[in-house]
PDB file of N, CA and C in Angstrom:
ATOM      1  N   MET A   1       0.835  -1.191   0.000  1.00  0.00           N
ATOM      2  CA  MET A   1       0.000   0.000   0.000  1.00  0.00           C
ATOM      3  C   MET A   1       0.875   1.248   0.000  1.00  0.00           C
ATOM      4  N   ASP A   2       0.347   2.279  -0.604  1.00  0.00           N
ATOM      5  CA  ASP A   2       1.034   3.570  -0.616  1.00  0.00           C
ATOM      6  C   ASP A   2       0.765   4.284   0.702  1.00  0.00           C
ATOM      7  N   LEU A   3       1.648   4.116   1.662  1.00  0.00           N
ATOM      8  CA  LEU A   3       1.468   4.743   2.973  1.00  0.00           C
ATOM      9  C   LEU A   3       1.991   6.171   3.004  1.00  0.00           C
ATOM     10  N   ALA A   4       2.832   6.550   2.037  1.00  0.00           N
ATOM     11  CA  ALA A   4       3.391   7.898   2.001  1.00  0.00           C
ATOM     12  C   ALA A   4       2.490   8.889   1.274  1.00  0.00           C
ATOM     13  N   GLY A   5       1.507   8.373   0.528  1.00  0.00           N
ATOM     14  CA  GLY A   5       0.601   9.249  -0.203  1.00  0.00           C
ATOM     15  C   GLY A   5       1.206   9.862  -1.456  1.00  0.00           C
ATOM     16  N   ASP A   6       2.263   9.235  -2.002  1.00  0.00           N
ATOM     17  CA  ASP A   6       2.916   9.781  -3.188  1.00  0.00           C
ATOM     18  C   ASP A   6       2.601   9.010  -4.462  1.00  0.00           C
ATOM     19  N   GLU A   7       1.634   8.087  -4.403  1.00  0.00           N
ATOM     20  CA  GLU A   7       1.231   7.277  -5.550  1.00  0.00           C
ATOM     21  C   GLU A   7       2.364   6.415  -6.111  1.00  0.00           C
ATOM     22  N   ASN A   8       3.265   5.972  -5.229  1.00  0.00           N
ATOM     23  CA  ASN A   8       4.317   5.030  -5.559  1.00  0.00           C
ATOM     24  C   ASN A   8       4.246   3.865  -4.589  1.00  0.00           C
ATOM     25  N   VAL A   9       4.295   2.650  -5.123  1.00  0.00           N
ATOM     26  CA  VAL A   9       4.259   1.460  -4.281  1.00  0.00           C
ATOM     27  C   VAL A   9       5.413   0.554  -4.699  1.00  0.00           C
ATOM     28  N   ALA A  10       6.152   0.039  -3.716  1.00  0.00           N
ATOM     29  CA  ALA A  10       7.241  -0.889  -3.999  1.00  0.00           C
ATOM     30  C   ALA A  10       7.245  -1.979  -2.934  1.00  0.00           C
ATOM     31  N   ASP A  11       7.706  -3.143  -3.322  1.00  0.00           N
ATOM     32  CA  ASP A  11       7.886  -4.200  -2.336  1.00  0.00           C
ATOM     33  C   ASP A  11       9.317  -4.711  -2.446  1.00  0.00           C
ATOM     34  N   LEU A  12       9.721  -5.561  -1.545  1.00  0.00           N
ATOM     35  CA  LEU A  12      11.108  -6.014  -1.492  1.00  0.00           C
ATOM     36  C   LEU A  12      11.526  -6.825  -2.711  1.00  0.00           C
ATOM     37  N   PHE A  13      10.595  -7.490  -3.383  1.00  0.00           N
ATOM     38  CA  PHE A  13      10.933  -8.319  -4.526  1.00  0.00           C
ATOM     39  C   PHE A  13      10.967  -7.523  -5.828  1.00  0.00           C
ATOM     40  N   TYR A  14       9.852  -6.909  -6.201  1.00  0.00           N
ATOM     41  CA  TYR A  14       9.759  -6.224  -7.490  1.00  0.00           C
ATOM     42  C   TYR A  14      10.469  -4.878  -7.538  1.00  0.00           C
ATOM     43  N   ARG A  15      10.883  -4.343  -6.409  1.00  0.00           N
ATOM     44  CA  ARG A  15      11.640  -3.086  -6.420  1.00  0.00           C
ATOM     45  C   ARG A  15      13.066  -3.297  -6.908  1.00  0.00           C
ATOM     46  N   GLU A  16      13.543  -4.553  -6.868  1.00  0.00           N
ATOM     47  CA  GLU A  16      14.915  -4.877  -7.226  1.00  0.00           C
ATOM     48  C   GLU A  16      15.189  -4.685  -8.715  1.00  0.00           C
ATOM     49  N   THR A  17      16.308  -4.053  -9.033  1.00  0.00           N
ATOM     50  CA  THR A  17      16.718  -3.798 -10.410  1.00  0.00           C
ATOM     51  C   THR A  17      16.835  -5.089 -11.202  1.00  0.00           C
ATOM     52  N   GLY A  18      17.447  -6.109 -10.627  1.00  0.00           N
ATOM     53  CA  GLY A  18      17.642  -7.372 -11.323  1.00  0.00           C
ATOM     54  C   GLY A  18      16.343  -8.061 -11.696  1.00  0.00           C
ATOM     55  N   VAL A  19      15.293  -7.783 -10.974  1.00  0.00           N
ATOM     56  CA  VAL A  19      13.988  -8.387 -11.253  1.00  0.00           C
ATOM     57  C   VAL A  19      13.202  -7.544 -12.259  1.00  0.00           C
ATOM     58  N   SER A  20      13.100  -6.244 -12.040  1.00  0.00           N
ATOM     59  CA  SER A  20      12.169  -5.417 -12.811  1.00  0.00           C
ATOM     60  C   SER A  20      12.751  -4.604 -13.953  1.00  0.00           C
ATOM     61  N   LYS A  21      14.057  -4.369 -13.976  1.00  0.00           N
ATOM     62  CA  LYS A  21      14.641  -3.548 -15.046  1.00  0.00           C
ATOM     63  C   LYS A  21      14.439  -4.227 -16.400  1.00  0.00           C
ATOM     64  N   GLY A  22      13.863  -3.490 -17.326  1.00  0.00           N
ATOM     65  CA  GLY A  22      13.652  -3.984 -18.681  1.00  0.00           C
ATOM     66  C   GLY A  22      12.427  -4.864 -18.870  1.00  0.00           C
ATOM     67  N   ALA A  23      11.734  -5.195 -17.798  1.00  0.00           N
ATOM     68  CA  ALA A  23      10.534  -6.036 -17.903  1.00  0.00           C
ATOM     69  C   ALA A  23       9.312  -5.165 -18.146  1.00  0.00           C
ATOM     70  N   SER A  24       8.471  -5.576 -19.063  1.00  0.00           N
ATOM     71  CA  SER A  24       7.238  -4.834 -19.365  1.00  0.00           C
ATOM     72  C   SER A  24       6.125  -5.307 -18.445  1.00  0.00           C
ATOM     73  N   ILE A  25       6.216  -4.917 -17.179  1.00  0.00           N
ATOM     74  CA  ILE A  25       5.203  -5.340 -16.209  1.00  0.00           C
ATOM     75  C   ILE A  25       4.517  -4.153 -15.543  1.00  0.00           C
ATOM     76  N   GLY A  26       4.816  -2.934 -15.986  1.00  0.00           N
ATOM     77  CA  GLY A  26       4.132  -1.761 -15.454  1.00  0.00           C
ATOM     78  C   GLY A  26       4.875  -1.022 -14.361  1.00  0.00           C
ATOM     79  N   LEU A  27       6.075  -1.456 -14.014  1.00  0.00           N
ATOM     80  CA  LEU A  27       6.851  -0.748 -13.004  1.00  0.00           C
ATOM     81  C   LEU A  27       7.808   0.230 -13.676  1.00  0.00           C
ATOM     82  N   VAL A  28       8.117   1.324 -12.984  1.00  0.00           N
ATOM     83  CA  VAL A  28       9.024   2.341 -13.504  1.00  0.00           C
ATOM     84  C   VAL A  28      10.120   2.604 -12.480  1.00  0.00           C
ATOM     85  N   ARG A  29      11.242   3.116 -12.962  1.00  0.00           N
ATOM     86  CA  ARG A  29      12.338   3.456 -12.060  1.00  0.00           C
ATOM     87  C   ARG A  29      11.930   4.633 -11.191  1.00  0.00           C
ATOM     88  N   ASN A  30      12.191   4.532  -9.914  1.00  0.00           N
ATOM     89  CA  ASN A  30      11.883   5.599  -8.969  1.00  0.00           C
ATOM     90  C   ASN A  30      13.001   6.627  -9.015  1.00  0.00           C
ATOM     91  N   VAL A  31      12.800   7.713  -9.740  1.00  0.00           N
ATOM     92  CA  VAL A  31      13.835   8.734  -9.885  1.00  0.00           C
ATOM     93  C   VAL A  31      13.997   9.570  -8.613  1.00  0.00           C
ATOM     94  N   ASP A  32      13.051   9.474  -7.686  1.00  0.00           N
ATOM     95  CA  ASP A  32      13.155  10.216  -6.433  1.00  0.00           C
ATOM     96  C   ASP A  32      14.153   9.586  -5.469  1.00  0.00           C
ATOM     97  N   ASN A  33      14.457   8.301  -5.661  1.00  0.00           N
ATOM     98  CA  ASN A  33      15.416   7.624  -4.796  1.00  0.00           C
ATOM     99  C   ASN A  33      16.820   7.898  -5.320  1.00  0.00           C
ATOM    100  N   LYS A  34      17.560   8.738  -4.632  1.00  0.00           N
ATOM    101  CA  LYS A  34      18.895   9.152  -5.075  1.00  0.00           C
ATOM    102  C   LYS A  34      19.997   8.209  -4.597  1.00  0.00           C
ATOM    103  N   THR A  35      19.706   7.327  -3.649  1.00  0.00           N
ATOM    104  CA  THR A  35      20.748   6.473  -3.079  1.00  0.00           C
ATOM    105  C   THR A  35      20.862   5.109  -3.748  1.00  0.00           C
ATOM    106  N   GLU A  36      19.794   4.630  -4.368  1.00  0.00           N
ATOM    107  CA  GLU A  36      19.845   3.330  -5.034  1.00  0.00           C
ATOM    108  C   GLU A  36      18.796   3.272  -6.133  1.00  0.00           C
ATOM    109  N   GLU A  37      19.017   2.354  -7.061  1.00  0.00           N
ATOM    110  CA  GLU A  37      18.053   2.171  -8.145  1.00  0.00           C
ATOM    111  C   GLU A  37      16.963   1.224  -7.664  1.00  0.00           C
ATOM    112  N   GLU A  38      15.725   1.665  -7.766  1.00  0.00           N
ATOM    113  CA  GLU A  38      14.594   0.820  -7.391  1.00  0.00           C
ATOM    114  C   GLU A  38      13.446   1.060  -8.358  1.00  0.00           C
ATOM    115  N   TYR A  39      12.564   0.073  -8.425  1.00  0.00           N
ATOM    116  CA  TYR A  39      11.409   0.151  -9.316  1.00  0.00           C
ATOM    117  C   TYR A  39      10.132   0.189  -8.488  1.00  0.00           C
ATOM    118  N   VAL A  40       9.177   1.005  -8.948  1.00  0.00           N
ATOM    119  CA  VAL A  40       7.928   1.208  -8.216  1.00  0.00           C
ATOM    120  C   VAL A  40       6.741   1.082  -9.169  1.00  0.00           C
ATOM    121  N   LEU A  41       5.604   0.820  -8.585  1.00  0.00           N
ATOM    122  CA  LEU A  41       4.335   0.846  -9.303  1.00  0.00           C
ATOM    123  C   LEU A  41       3.702   2.194  -9.028  1.00  0.00           C
ATOM    124  N   ARG A  42       3.302   2.886 -10.068  1.00  0.00           N
ATOM    125  CA  ARG A  42       2.587   4.154  -9.885  1.00  0.00           C
ATOM    126  C   ARG A  42       1.142   3.795  -9.572  1.00  0.00           C
ATOM    127  N   GLY A  43       0.787   3.912  -8.326  1.00  0.00           N
ATOM    128  CA  GLY A  43      -0.544   3.562  -7.878  1.00  0.00           C
ATOM    129  C   GLY A  43      -0.605   3.559  -6.369  1.00  0.00           C
ATOM    130  N   SER A  44      -1.659   2.977  -5.828  1.00  0.00           N
ATOM    131  CA  SER A  44      -1.818   2.996  -4.375  1.00  0.00           C
ATOM    132  C   SER A  44      -1.766   1.614  -3.732  1.00  0.00           C
ATOM    133  N   VAL A  45      -1.929   0.557  -4.527  1.00  0.00           N
ATOM    134  CA  VAL A  45      -1.910  -0.806  -3.979  1.00  0.00           C
ATOM    135  C   VAL A  45      -1.179  -1.729  -4.945  1.00  0.00           C
ATOM    136  N   MET A  46      -0.338  -2.591  -4.396  1.00  0.00           N
ATOM    137  CA  MET A  46       0.389  -3.580  -5.192  1.00  0.00           C
ATOM    138  C   MET A  46       0.065  -4.951  -4.609  1.00  0.00           C
ATOM    139  N   ILE A  47      -0.579  -5.780  -5.417  1.00  0.00           N
ATOM    140  CA  ILE A  47      -0.926  -7.132  -4.977  1.00  0.00           C
ATOM    141  C   ILE A  47      -0.369  -8.114  -6.002  1.00  0.00           C
ATOM    142  N   TRP A  48       0.334  -9.130  -5.526  1.00  0.00           N
ATOM    143  CA  TRP A  48       0.837 -10.154  -6.429  1.00  0.00           C
ATOM    144  C   TRP A  48       0.979 -11.469  -5.675  1.00  0.00           C
ATOM    145  N   SER A  49       1.083 -12.535  -6.455  1.00  0.00           N
ATOM    146  CA  SER A  49       1.200 -13.880  -5.912  1.00  0.00           C
ATOM    147  C   SER A  49       2.317 -14.606  -6.654  1.00  0.00           C
ATOM    148  N   PRO A  50       3.019 -15.533  -6.008  1.00  0.00           N
ATOM    149  CA  PRO A  50       4.062 -16.285  -6.696  1.00  0.00           C
ATOM    150  C   PRO A  50       3.531 -17.301  -7.698  1.00  0.00           C
ATOM    151  N   GLY A  51       2.250 -17.354  -7.914  1.00  0.00           N
ATOM    152  CA  GLY A  51       1.679 -18.205  -8.957  1.00  0.00           C
ATOM    153  C   GLY A  51       1.560 -19.664  -8.572  1.00  0.00           C
ATOM    154  N   PRO A  52       1.162 -20.501  -9.534  1.00  0.00           N
ATOM    155  CA  PRO A  52       0.895 -21.913  -9.266  1.00  0.00           C
ATOM    156  C   PRO A  52       2.097 -22.689  -8.731  1.00  0.00           C
ATOM    157  N   ASP A  53       3.322 -22.321  -9.156  1.00  0.00           N
ATOM    158  CA  ASP A  53       4.483 -23.064  -8.661  1.00  0.00           C
ATOM    159  C   ASP A  53       4.934 -22.591  -7.276  1.00  0.00           C
ATOM    160  N   ARG A  54       4.368 -21.482  -6.788  1.00  0.00           N
ATOM    161  CA  ARG A  54       4.635 -20.924  -5.461  1.00  0.00           C
ATOM    162  C   ARG A  54       6.112 -20.605  -5.235  1.00  0.00           C
ATOM    163  N   GLN A  55       6.812 -20.238  -6.335  1.00  0.00           N
ATOM    164  CA  GLN A  55       8.231 -19.914  -6.236  1.00  0.00           C
ATOM    165  C   GLN A  55       8.526 -18.579  -6.890  1.00  0.00           C
ATOM    166  N   VAL A  56       9.521 -17.874  -6.356  1.00  0.00           N
ATOM    167  CA  VAL A  56      10.054 -16.665  -6.965  1.00  0.00           C
ATOM    168  C   VAL A  56      11.571 -16.795  -7.003  1.00  0.00           C
ATOM    169  N   ASN A  57      12.185 -16.080  -7.929  1.00  0.00           N
ATOM    170  CA  ASN A  57      13.631 -16.137  -8.079  1.00  0.00           C
ATOM    171  C   ASN A  57      14.157 -14.716  -8.187  1.00  0.00           C
ATOM    172  N   SER A  58      14.809 -14.225  -7.145  1.00  0.00           N
ATOM    173  CA  SER A  58      15.315 -12.849  -7.135  1.00  0.00           C
ATOM    174  C   SER A  58      16.543 -12.677  -8.021  1.00  0.00           C
ATOM    175  N   LYS A  59      17.090 -13.761  -8.524  1.00  0.00           N
ATOM    176  CA  LYS A  59      18.246 -13.689  -9.431  1.00  0.00           C
ATOM    177  C   LYS A  59      17.799 -13.674 -10.901  1.00  0.00           C
ATOM    178  N   ALA A  60      16.497 -13.798 -11.148  1.00  0.00           N
ATOM    179  CA  ALA A  60      15.948 -13.827 -12.508  1.00  0.00           C
ATOM    180  C   ALA A  60      15.074 -12.598 -12.732  1.00  0.00           C
ATOM    181  N   GLY A  61      14.855 -12.278 -13.998  1.00  0.00           N
ATOM    182  CA  GLY A  61      13.980 -11.168 -14.345  1.00  0.00           C
ATOM    183  C   GLY A  61      12.530 -11.485 -14.019  1.00  0.00           C
ATOM    184  N   ALA A  62      11.707 -10.457 -14.029  1.00  0.00           N
ATOM    185  CA  ALA A  62      10.289 -10.596 -13.677  1.00  0.00           C
ATOM    186  C   ALA A  62       9.541 -11.566 -14.577  1.00  0.00           C
ATOM    187  N   LEU A  63      10.011 -11.727 -15.807  1.00  0.00           N
ATOM    188  CA  LEU A  63       9.320 -12.595 -16.758  1.00  0.00           C
ATOM    189  C   LEU A  63      10.133 -13.847 -17.096  1.00  0.00           C
ATOM    190  N   ASP A  64      11.105 -14.181 -16.254  1.00  0.00           N
ATOM    191  CA  ASP A  64      11.994 -15.315 -16.500  1.00  0.00           C
ATOM    192  C   ASP A  64      11.872 -16.383 -15.416  1.00  0.00           C
ATOM    193  N   LYS A  65      12.253 -17.595 -15.773  1.00  0.00           N
ATOM    194  CA  LYS A  65      12.369 -18.750 -14.872  1.00  0.00           C
ATOM    195  C   LYS A  65      11.141 -18.900 -13.976  1.00  0.00           C
ATOM    196  N   GLU A  66      11.355 -19.019 -12.658  1.00  0.00           N
ATOM    197  CA  GLU A  66      10.244 -19.242 -11.733  1.00  0.00           C
ATOM    198  C   GLU A  66       9.253 -18.088 -11.683  1.00  0.00           C
ATOM    199  N   ASN A  67       9.652 -16.928 -12.136  1.00  0.00           N
ATOM    200  CA  ASN A  67       8.800 -15.737 -12.064  1.00  0.00           C
ATOM    201  C   ASN A  67       7.779 -15.633 -13.197  1.00  0.00           C
ATOM    202  N   THR A  68       7.874 -16.496 -14.205  1.00  0.00           N
ATOM    203  CA  THR A  68       6.987 -16.379 -15.360  1.00  0.00           C
ATOM    204  C   THR A  68       5.522 -16.587 -15.014  1.00  0.00           C
ATOM    205  N   ASP A  69       5.243 -17.365 -13.978  1.00  0.00           N
ATOM    206  CA  ASP A  69       3.838 -17.645 -13.643  1.00  0.00           C
ATOM    207  C   ASP A  69       3.320 -16.765 -12.493  1.00  0.00           C
ATOM    208  N   ASN A  70       4.118 -15.804 -12.047  1.00  0.00           N
ATOM    209  CA  ASN A  70       3.667 -14.921 -10.965  1.00  0.00           C
ATOM    210  C   ASN A  70       2.409 -14.169 -11.420  1.00  0.00           C
ATOM    211  N   ILE A  71       1.482 -14.011 -10.514  1.00  0.00           N
ATOM    212  CA  ILE A  71       0.225 -13.329 -10.810  1.00  0.00           C
ATOM    213  C   ILE A  71       0.347 -11.898 -10.283  1.00  0.00           C
ATOM    214  N   LEU A  72       0.288 -10.935 -11.211  1.00  0.00           N
ATOM    215  CA  LEU A  72       0.451  -9.531 -10.871  1.00  0.00           C
ATOM    216  C   LEU A  72      -0.892  -8.840 -10.910  1.00  0.00           C
ATOM    217  N   GLY A  73      -1.379  -8.391  -9.777  1.00  0.00           N
ATOM    218  CA  GLY A  73      -2.704  -7.789  -9.675  1.00  0.00           C
ATOM    219  C   GLY A  73      -2.869  -6.475 -10.390  1.00  0.00           C
ATOM    220  N   TRP A  74      -1.788  -5.833 -10.802  1.00  0.00           N
ATOM    221  CA  TRP A  74      -1.876  -4.536 -11.475  1.00  0.00           C
ATOM    222  C   TRP A  74      -1.790  -4.645 -12.983  1.00  0.00           C
ATOM    223  N   ARG A  75      -1.636  -5.846 -13.523  1.00  0.00           N
ATOM    224  CA  ARG A  75      -1.523  -5.997 -14.976  1.00  0.00           C
ATOM    225  C   ARG A  75      -2.856  -6.237 -15.606  1.00  0.00           C
TER     226      ARG A  75
END
């Protein structure tokens, strides 16, 4: 949830550059974060599930390997 009221939502998994950079899943780079590169959803709520295989891979892109079946509530 967007608790700051800035219409940006990020979580520990999809905010990661290695997961979301270059993936067409609706996330954008947060240019307001000057200390590190992170990706955010422009909105107020981010809901997702690891999908039928119940696995995620933080070393793979958002649309690769175990992440291909993830269910993204904002897409």
